[in-house]
Protein backbone atom coordinates (compact mmCIF):
# COMPACT_ATOMS: atom_id res chain seq x y z
CA MET A 1 86.47 69.60 189.74
CA GLU A 2 88.63 71.14 187.03
CA LYS A 3 92.09 69.83 186.31
CA GLY A 4 94.71 72.33 187.40
CA LEU A 5 97.19 73.48 184.78
CA VAL A 6 100.93 73.99 184.81
CA GLN A 7 101.65 77.12 182.81
CA ILE A 8 104.96 78.71 181.85
CA TYR A 9 105.36 82.40 181.13
CA SER A 10 108.75 82.79 179.50
CA GLY A 11 110.68 85.16 177.25
CA ASP A 12 113.49 87.67 177.20
CA SER A 13 111.37 90.78 177.52
CA GLN A 14 109.47 92.20 180.47
CA GLY A 15 105.89 91.29 181.26
CA LYS A 16 106.05 87.71 182.52
CA SER A 17 105.48 88.59 186.17
CA ALA A 18 102.83 91.14 185.22
CA ALA A 19 100.98 88.51 183.17
CA ALA A 20 101.16 86.09 186.11
CA LEU A 21 99.90 88.79 188.46
CA GLY A 22 97.00 89.44 186.09
CA ARG A 23 96.10 85.76 186.29
CA ALA A 24 96.35 85.97 190.09
CA ILE A 25 93.87 88.83 190.11
CA GLN A 26 91.46 86.80 187.96
CA PHE A 27 91.63 83.93 190.46
CA ALA A 28 91.13 86.31 193.41
CA ILE A 29 88.08 87.87 191.74
CA MET A 30 86.60 84.36 191.50
CA GLY A 31 87.12 83.93 195.26
CA LYS A 32 90.08 81.58 194.90
CA LYS A 33 93.21 81.72 197.05
CA VAL A 34 96.51 82.67 195.42
CA VAL A 35 100.07 82.33 196.68
CA ILE A 36 102.98 83.99 194.88
CA ILE A 37 106.57 83.18 195.77
CA LYS A 38 109.11 85.57 194.25
CA PHE A 39 112.70 84.52 193.55
CA LEU A 40 115.86 86.34 192.42
CA LYS A 41 114.27 89.79 192.36
CA ALA A 42 115.02 92.94 194.28
CA ASN A 43 112.67 93.75 197.13
CA GLN A 44 110.33 96.15 195.36
CA SER A 45 106.72 97.23 195.72
CA GLU A 46 106.20 95.11 198.83
CA ASP A 47 103.84 97.65 200.41
CA PHE A 48 101.63 97.57 197.33
CA PHE A 49 101.56 93.78 197.22
CA LYS A 50 100.65 93.54 200.91
CA ARG A 51 97.44 95.45 200.13
CA MET A 52 96.26 92.50 198.02
CA GLU A 53 96.15 90.23 201.05
CA PRO A 54 94.38 88.07 202.09
CA GLU A 55 93.19 87.15 198.60
CA ILE A 56 96.69 87.14 197.12
CA LYS A 57 99.56 86.29 199.45
CA ILE A 58 103.03 87.19 198.24
CA PHE A 59 106.22 85.79 199.74
CA ARG A 60 109.88 86.52 199.17
CA PHE A 61 112.36 84.49 201.21
CA GLU A 62 115.53 86.27 200.15
CA LYS A 63 116.77 88.78 202.71
CA SER A 64 118.79 91.06 200.45
CA GLU A 65 117.21 94.19 199.05
CA GLU A 66 119.26 93.74 195.86
CA GLU A 67 118.67 91.53 192.87
CA PHE A 68 120.38 88.13 193.21
CA ALA A 69 122.60 88.64 190.14
CA LEU A 70 124.18 91.74 191.71
CA LEU A 71 125.24 90.02 194.95
CA SER A 72 128.77 88.92 195.84
CA ASP A 73 129.46 85.19 195.79
CA GLU A 74 129.40 85.07 199.59
CA ARG A 75 126.02 86.80 199.79
CA LYS A 76 124.68 84.55 197.02
CA LYS A 77 125.51 81.51 199.16
CA GLU A 78 123.51 82.98 202.04
CA GLU A 79 120.58 83.75 199.76
CA ILE A 80 120.60 80.26 198.24
CA HIS A 81 119.76 78.92 201.69
CA ASN A 82 116.83 81.37 201.90
CA ILE A 83 115.70 80.46 198.37
CA LYS A 84 115.64 76.78 199.31
CA ASN A 85 113.42 77.69 202.27
CA GLY A 86 111.09 79.31 199.75
CA LEU A 87 111.05 76.15 197.63
CA ASN A 88 110.23 74.05 200.70
CA PHE A 89 107.43 76.48 201.47
CA ALA A 90 106.09 75.96 197.93
CA LYS A 91 105.96 72.20 198.56
CA LYS A 92 104.13 72.80 201.84
CA VAL A 93 101.60 75.12 200.19
CA LEU A 94 100.88 72.51 197.53
CA SER A 95 100.71 69.55 199.91
CA THR A 96 98.33 71.31 202.32
CA GLY A 97 96.07 72.76 199.62
CA GLU A 98 96.50 76.35 200.80
CA CYS A 99 95.70 77.82 197.40
CA GLU A 100 94.12 77.22 194.02
CA LEU A 101 96.91 79.09 192.20
CA LEU A 102 100.61 79.01 193.04
CA ILE A 103 102.91 81.34 191.12
CA LEU A 104 106.63 80.61 191.30
CA ASP A 105 107.93 83.90 189.95
CA GLU A 106 111.35 83.64 188.28
CA VAL A 107 111.71 79.97 189.29
CA LEU A 108 113.19 79.19 185.86
CA GLY A 109 116.05 81.51 186.81
CA LEU A 110 116.81 79.17 189.70
CA LEU A 111 117.43 76.43 187.13
CA ASP A 112 119.72 78.75 185.14
CA ASN A 113 121.71 79.58 188.28
CA GLY A 114 122.08 75.93 189.34
CA ILE A 115 120.11 76.55 192.55
CA LEU A 116 117.32 74.17 191.61
CA SER A 117 117.47 71.02 189.50
CA PHE A 118 114.83 70.04 186.99
CA GLU A 119 114.08 66.93 189.05
CA ASP A 120 113.49 69.02 192.19
CA LEU A 121 111.16 71.36 190.29
CA LYS A 122 109.30 68.37 188.87
CA THR A 123 108.90 66.98 192.41
CA ILE A 124 107.41 70.28 193.58
CA ILE A 125 104.95 70.33 190.67
CA GLU A 126 103.97 66.69 191.19
CA SER A 127 103.03 67.45 194.81
CA LYS A 128 100.09 69.60 193.67
CA SER A 129 96.54 68.35 193.88
CA GLU A 130 94.55 67.93 190.66
CA ASP A 131 92.64 71.20 190.96
CA VAL A 132 95.59 73.55 191.64
CA ASP A 133 97.11 75.69 188.90
CA ILE A 134 100.82 76.53 188.90
CA ILE A 135 102.48 79.30 186.93
CA LEU A 136 106.26 79.24 186.44
CA THR A 137 107.98 82.36 185.14
CA GLY A 138 111.48 83.00 183.86
CA SER A 139 113.50 84.07 180.87
CA ARG A 140 114.63 80.76 179.47
CA MET A 141 113.13 77.31 179.43
CA SER A 142 114.48 73.95 178.42
CA ASP A 143 112.88 71.13 176.48
CA GLU A 144 112.52 69.27 179.80
CA ILE A 145 110.51 72.09 181.31
CA CYS A 146 108.24 72.18 178.26
CA GLN A 147 107.44 68.49 178.84
CA ILE A 148 105.85 69.18 182.24
CA ALA A 149 103.80 72.20 181.14
CA ASP A 150 100.21 72.15 179.94
CA GLU A 151 100.49 75.63 178.42
CA ILE A 152 103.49 77.75 177.45
CA TYR A 153 103.33 81.48 176.84
CA ASN A 154 106.26 83.25 175.21
CA ILE A 155 106.13 86.88 176.28
CA GLU A 156 107.98 89.11 173.86
CA ALA A 157 108.08 92.76 172.97
CA VAL A 158 106.91 93.45 169.47
CA ASN A 159 107.26 96.93 168.01
CA TYR A 160 104.91 97.88 165.26
CA LYS A 161 105.56 101.03 163.40
CA ILE A 162 102.85 102.63 161.38
CA PHE A 163 104.24 104.21 158.28
CA GLU A 164 102.57 107.21 156.80
CA GLU A 165 102.33 107.17 153.05
């Protein structure tokens, strides 16, 4: 049995979720079960994602069609309750062994928004069995988060210009 890894895909540019999805596809090709829980994002491409089931199951607990950052304070409070349901679902998935890869997409943003504490995230991660991989995505990470990761990937846009001489 292989030891499952905790990986972080972080950075200010786009591509973190796409990289995590690529990893999910690799797991699915190997016949492994994948669960993705999306946080803080607008409800987009759900029909496409549903076509990946049952190999890759994608969940979003927020009810709003809009991105979390664009919501009013009142609507944010409502969504925080839904987000916490998603976090409880993540614990359940890990404790019941429902998958070999769990992706918590934009979970680091929950830390930035004060919705999730580092200790609560650590508790979720510690509930995984030895052979389960977890991928955490988000823009910023703290030194604390780095301590619980086995691998950290900084996704950044790099522009190379070829100069003609």
